[in-house]
Each structure stands twice: as structure tokens, then as C-alpha cells.
C-alpha atoms as a PDB file:
ATOM      1  CA  MET A   1      97.563  90.344  35.044  1.00  0.00           C
ATOM      2  CA  THR A   2      96.144  88.205  36.437  1.00  0.00           C
ATOM      3  CA  ILE A   3      92.430  87.433  35.154  1.00  0.00           C
ATOM      4  CA  GLU A   4      90.345  88.481  38.650  1.00  0.00           C
ATOM      5  CA  VAL A   5      91.635  92.495  37.266  1.00  0.00           C
ATOM      6  CA  ILE A   6      91.011  91.704  33.612  1.00  0.00           C
ATOM      7  CA  ALA A   7      87.691  91.161  33.731  1.00  0.00           C
ATOM      8  CA  LYS A   8      87.163  93.892  36.661  1.00  0.00           C
ATOM      9  CA  VAL A   9      88.411  96.293  33.431  1.00  0.00           C
ATOM     10  CA  LEU A  10      86.742  95.250  30.432  1.00  0.00           C
ATOM     11  CA  ILE A  11      83.289  94.367  32.495  1.00  0.00           C
ATOM     12  CA  PRO A  12      82.557  98.517  33.179  1.00  0.00           C
ATOM     13  CA  LEU A  13      84.176  99.040  30.254  1.00  0.00           C
ATOM     14  CA  LEU A  14      82.061  97.030  27.834  1.00  0.00           C
ATOM     15  CA  GLY A  15      78.738  98.072  30.082  1.00  0.00           C
ATOM     16  CA  ALA A  16      79.818 102.058  29.120  1.00  0.00           C
ATOM     17  CA  VAL A  17      80.119 100.878  25.219  1.00  0.00           C
ATOM     18  CA  ILE A  18      76.617  98.740  25.937  1.00  0.00           C
ATOM     19  CA  THR A  19      74.812 102.062  27.835  1.00  0.00           C
ATOM     20  CA  TYR A  20      76.656 104.304  25.211  1.00  0.00           C
ATOM     21  CA  ILE A  21      76.793 103.036  21.979  1.00  0.00           C
ATOM     22  CA  LEU A  22      75.356 100.144  20.907  1.00  0.00           C
ATOM     23  CA  ILE A  23      71.551 100.542  22.654  1.00  0.00           C
ATOM     24  CA  PRO A  24      70.793 104.104  21.439  1.00  0.00           C
ATOM     25  CA  TYR A  25      71.985 102.646  17.510  1.00  0.00           C
ATOM     26  CA  PHE A  26      69.493 100.102  17.634  1.00  0.00           C
ATOM     27  CA  LYS A  27      66.878 102.437  19.297  1.00  0.00           C
ATOM     28  CA  ALA A  28      67.128 104.616  16.047  1.00  0.00           C
ATOM     29  CA  LYS A  29      67.133 101.550  14.043  1.00  0.00           C
ATOM     30  CA  THR A  30      63.653 100.082  15.118  1.00  0.00           C
ATOM     31  CA  THR A  31      60.212 101.226  15.835  1.00  0.00           C
ATOM     32  CA  ALA A  32      59.304 101.384  19.809  1.00  0.00           C
ATOM     33  CA  GLU A  33      56.986  98.621  19.108  1.00  0.00           C
ATOM     34  CA  GLN A  34      59.438  96.446  17.009  1.00  0.00           C
ATOM     35  CA  ARG A  35      61.634  96.373  19.595  1.00  0.00           C
ATOM     36  CA  ASP A  36      59.546  95.277  22.467  1.00  0.00           C
ATOM     37  CA  GLU A  37      58.132  92.150  19.961  1.00  0.00           C
ATOM     38  CA  ILE A  38      61.904  91.396  19.437  1.00  0.00           C
ATOM     39  CA  TYR A  39      62.806  92.177  23.421  1.00  0.00           C
ATOM     40  CA  PHE A  40      58.809  90.071  23.970  1.00  0.00           C
ATOM     41  CA  TRP A  41      61.260  87.106  21.742  1.00  0.00           C
ATOM     42  CA  VAL A  42      64.773  87.006  23.641  1.00  0.00           C
ATOM     43  CA  GLN A  43      62.937  86.838  26.610  1.00  0.00           C
ATOM     44  CA  MET A  44      60.880  83.546  25.848  1.00  0.00           C
ATOM     45  CA  ALA A  45      64.299  82.347  23.725  1.00  0.00           C
ATOM     46  CA  VAL A  46      66.313  82.904  27.244  1.00  0.00           C
ATOM     47  CA  GLN A  47      63.241  81.501  29.127  1.00  0.00           C
ATOM     48  CA  ALA A  48      63.839  78.165  26.523  1.00  0.00           C
ATOM     49  CA  ALA A  49      67.214  78.246  26.513  1.00  0.00           C
ATOM     50  CA  GLU A  50      67.835  77.700  30.853  1.00  0.00           C
ATOM     51  CA  MET A  51      64.714  74.648  31.254  1.00  0.00           C
ATOM     52  CA  VAL A  52      66.816  73.762  28.004  1.00  0.00           C
ATOM     53  CA  TYR A  53      69.911  73.791  29.311  1.00  0.00           C
ATOM     54  CA  ARG A  54      69.442  73.497  32.826  1.00  0.00           C
ATOM     55  CA  GLU A  55      73.453  72.858  34.430  1.00  0.00           C
ATOM     56  CA  ARG A  56      76.093  75.828  34.726  1.00  0.00           C
ATOM     57  CA  GLY A  57      78.153  76.696  33.002  1.00  0.00           C
ATOM     58  CA  GLN A  58      76.521  76.497  29.771  1.00  0.00           C
ATOM     59  CA  GLY A  59      76.832  79.270  28.844  1.00  0.00           C
ATOM     60  CA  ALA A  60      78.016  79.753  25.159  1.00  0.00           C
ATOM     61  CA  LEU A  61      75.483  76.551  24.614  1.00  0.00           C
ATOM     62  CA  LYS A  62      72.524  79.173  26.240  1.00  0.00           C
ATOM     63  CA  LYS A  63      73.231  81.685  23.796  1.00  0.00           C
ATOM     64  CA  GLU A  64      73.475  79.166  20.145  1.00  0.00           C
ATOM     65  CA  TYR A  65      70.368  78.210  20.813  1.00  0.00           C
ATOM     66  CA  VAL A  66      68.917  82.055  21.918  1.00  0.00           C
ATOM     67  CA  VAL A  67      70.645  83.125  18.810  1.00  0.00           C
ATOM     68  CA  GLY A  68      69.336  80.176  16.578  1.00  0.00           C
ATOM     69  CA  PHE A  69      65.213  80.761  17.940  1.00  0.00           C
ATOM     70  CA  LEU A  70      66.147  83.755  17.491  1.00  0.00           C
ATOM     71  CA  THR A  71      67.473  83.426  13.391  1.00  0.00           C
ATOM     72  CA  ASP A  72      64.141  81.611  12.743  1.00  0.00           C
ATOM     73  CA  ARG A  73      61.871  83.948  13.464  1.00  0.00           C
ATOM     74  CA  GLY A  74      63.043  85.953  11.281  1.00  0.00           C
ATOM     75  CA  ILE A  75      64.965  88.039  13.988  1.00  0.00           C
ATOM     76  CA  ARG A  76      68.294  89.815  12.076  1.00  0.00           C
ATOM     77  CA  LEU A  77      70.562  91.770  14.542  1.00  0.00           C
ATOM     78  CA  THR A  78      73.976  92.215  14.482  1.00  0.00           C
ATOM     79  CA  LEU A  79      75.528  89.706  17.267  1.00  0.00           C
ATOM     80  CA  GLU A  80      76.563  92.686  19.572  1.00  0.00           C
ATOM     81  CA  GLU A  81      73.220  94.073  19.816  1.00  0.00           C
ATOM     82  CA  LEU A  82      71.465  90.295  20.412  1.00  0.00           C
ATOM     83  CA  ASP A  83      74.293  90.535  23.123  1.00  0.00           C
ATOM     84  CA  VAL A  84      73.244  93.850  24.768  1.00  0.00           C
ATOM     85  CA  LEU A  85      69.128  92.203  24.599  1.00  0.00           C
ATOM     86  CA  ILE A  86      70.281  88.761  25.831  1.00  0.00           C
ATOM     87  CA  GLU A  87      72.657  89.988  28.881  1.00  0.00           C
ATOM     88  CA  ALA A  88      69.372  92.350  30.120  1.00  0.00           C
ATOM     89  CA  ALA A  89      66.923  89.476  29.542  1.00  0.00           C
ATOM     90  CA  VAL A  90      68.876  86.726  31.692  1.00  0.00           C
ATOM     91  CA  LYS A  91      69.858  89.996  34.005  1.00  0.00           C
ATOM     92  CA  GLU A  92      66.055  89.533  34.160  1.00  0.00           C
ATOM     93  CA  LEU A  93      65.250  86.111  34.766  1.00  0.00           C
ATOM     94  CA  ASN A  94      67.731  85.894  37.422  1.00  0.00           C
ATOM     95  CA  LEU A  95      66.213  88.854  39.398  1.00  0.00           C
ATOM     96  CA  VAL A  96      62.849  87.215  39.034  1.00  0.00           C
ATOM     97  CA  GLN A  97      64.425  83.630  39.506  1.00  0.00           C
ATOM     98  CA  GLY A  98      65.438  85.656  43.361  1.00  0.00           C
ATOM     99  CA  LYS A  99      69.208  84.302  41.724  1.00  0.00           C
END
């Protein structure tokens, strides 16, 4: 099996897991106000990481920066929950930037 085939199978599967399991779990554990504040800080951290690490292919460094930024501000979520929020913020930023 090639990496492309594996990616084509795993990406939709991961999307489904995130959509139907992790997001409802996250919503059950927080209030709407808490989610809004957390997402605001995730967006700020993603934008800052994009400015600090401008080169393509530095996704791991960007993610490390975002997780550190959020942890320093007392945002305590699991890595899976952070992944969901970070991915959403990155997709939103890419849409705004026309990428």
C-alpha cells in the first residue's frame, strides 16, 4: 500500500472520529463562554505561529509553539482536543488568507 492510499483512508476516518466523538465530548465538558475564550486563544496562537514560522514544512514546530502558548495561558485540554481546535483555526486562517 502506498502512503497516498493510506492517507486517503485515514484522513476521512480521523475526520469522522473528530466530528462525532471528540467535538461532542469537548462541548459536554465546557460552557459556551469557555469554548469561545479557548478558541480565541487558539486562533491567536495559530496566527502567531504562522508569523514566527513562515517556511512551509514547519508544521510540527508551529504546533509545538501553539501548544506551549496555550499551556502557558493555563488552557488545559488533552492533545486530541487541542488538535481539533488547532486544525479548525488553521483551516479558518487558510480560508481568510485564500490558501
